[in-house]
Structures are given as structure tokens and as C-alpha cells.
């Protein structure tokens, strides 16, 4: 199991939290996705076939920029 924390500066409310957690949580291989609104981070635990690139893509598809980590 791989765990990562991604900075997403545009997170600012519970809608952001639900949108990102829902999109990332639906990816095949993602065990958990948790958004911390105050810290503006996304914590993800995943195995293959999920990947960092796929997770970032899912976040960006929801309209949030993920700066280079």
C-alpha cells in the first residue's frame, strides 16, 4: 500500500472536500482518500492499478490545480 499527501491550494470548503474525495475514492485501487480543508491537502492510500498521475488527474478533472509536488 502506497500513501501520499498532495497539496491542493484551491481547497477551501466542504464542497471541495466531497468533490475530491468522491472522484479519487472511485478510482480502482484507491483504499482511502481524505481531504483536510484547513491544511488544503489530500491524503490517499492506494495500490495498483491506481497511480499518482491518475489521482492527480482525478483531482484536476474536478477543477482543482495540483502544483508540482
Protein backbone atom coordinates (compact mmCIF):
# COMPACT_ATOMS: atom_id res chain seq x y z
CA UNK A 1 0.00 0.00 0.00
CA UNK A 2 1.34 3.41 -1.01
CA UNK A 3 0.34 6.52 0.92
CA UNK A 4 0.78 10.06 -0.31
CA UNK A 5 -0.19 13.60 0.68
CA UNK A 6 -0.88 16.11 -2.07
CA UNK A 7 -1.08 19.88 -1.67
CA UNK A 8 -4.16 21.38 -3.34
CA UNK A 9 -4.17 25.13 -2.56
CA UNK A 10 -7.64 25.72 -4.05
CA UNK A 11 -9.41 23.60 -1.40
CA UNK A 12 -11.49 25.93 0.75
CA UNK A 13 -14.81 24.31 1.72
CA UNK A 14 -16.76 21.12 2.36
CA UNK A 15 -17.94 21.04 -1.27
CA UNK A 16 -14.29 20.85 -2.34
CA UNK A 17 -13.77 18.03 0.16
CA UNK A 18 -16.74 15.99 -1.07
CA UNK A 19 -15.91 16.56 -4.74
CA UNK A 20 -12.28 15.45 -4.43
CA UNK A 21 -12.91 12.55 -2.03
CA UNK A 22 -15.66 11.24 -4.30
CA UNK A 23 -13.61 11.44 -7.50
CA UNK A 24 -10.42 9.98 -6.05
CA UNK A 25 -12.27 7.38 -3.99
CA UNK A 26 -13.87 5.96 -7.15
CA UNK A 27 -10.51 5.13 -8.73
CA UNK A 28 -9.72 1.44 -8.96
CA UNK A 29 -7.04 0.62 -6.39
CA UNK A 30 -7.69 3.55 -4.03
CA UNK A 31 -8.27 2.29 -0.49
CA UNK A 32 -8.94 5.72 1.04
CA UNK A 33 -8.96 9.41 0.15
CA UNK A 34 -9.23 12.11 2.79
CA UNK A 35 -9.23 15.89 2.33
CA UNK A 36 -8.07 18.23 5.10
CA UNK A 37 -9.73 21.57 4.29
CA UNK A 38 -7.68 23.59 6.80
CA UNK A 39 -4.33 22.27 5.55
CA UNK A 40 -5.53 22.12 1.94
CA UNK A 41 -4.18 18.62 1.46
CA UNK A 42 -5.41 15.31 0.09
CA UNK A 43 -4.18 12.09 1.72
CA UNK A 44 -4.54 8.96 -0.39
CA UNK A 45 -3.76 5.29 0.27
CA UNK A 46 -3.64 3.17 -2.88
CA UNK A 47 -2.33 0.12 -4.69
CA UNK A 48 -2.09 -0.71 -8.40
CA UNK A 49 -3.75 -0.06 -10.74
CA UNK A 50 -4.10 3.42 -9.18
CA UNK A 51 -1.17 5.79 -9.68
CA UNK A 52 -0.10 9.26 -8.56
CA UNK A 53 -0.72 10.51 -12.09
CA UNK A 54 -4.24 9.07 -12.12
CA UNK A 55 -5.03 10.53 -8.70
CA UNK A 56 -3.79 13.97 -9.73
CA UNK A 57 -5.80 13.66 -12.95
CA UNK A 58 -8.97 12.88 -10.99
CA UNK A 59 -8.41 15.94 -8.76
CA UNK A 60 -7.73 18.18 -11.77
CA UNK A 61 -10.84 16.82 -13.52
CA UNK A 62 -12.82 18.26 -10.60
CA UNK A 63 -11.37 21.71 -11.36
CA UNK A 64 -8.56 21.91 -8.80
CA UNK A 65 -4.92 22.53 -9.70
CA UNK A 66 -2.32 20.24 -8.14
CA UNK A 67 1.05 22.03 -8.15
CA UNK A 68 4.23 20.03 -8.74
CA UNK A 69 4.83 18.02 -5.61
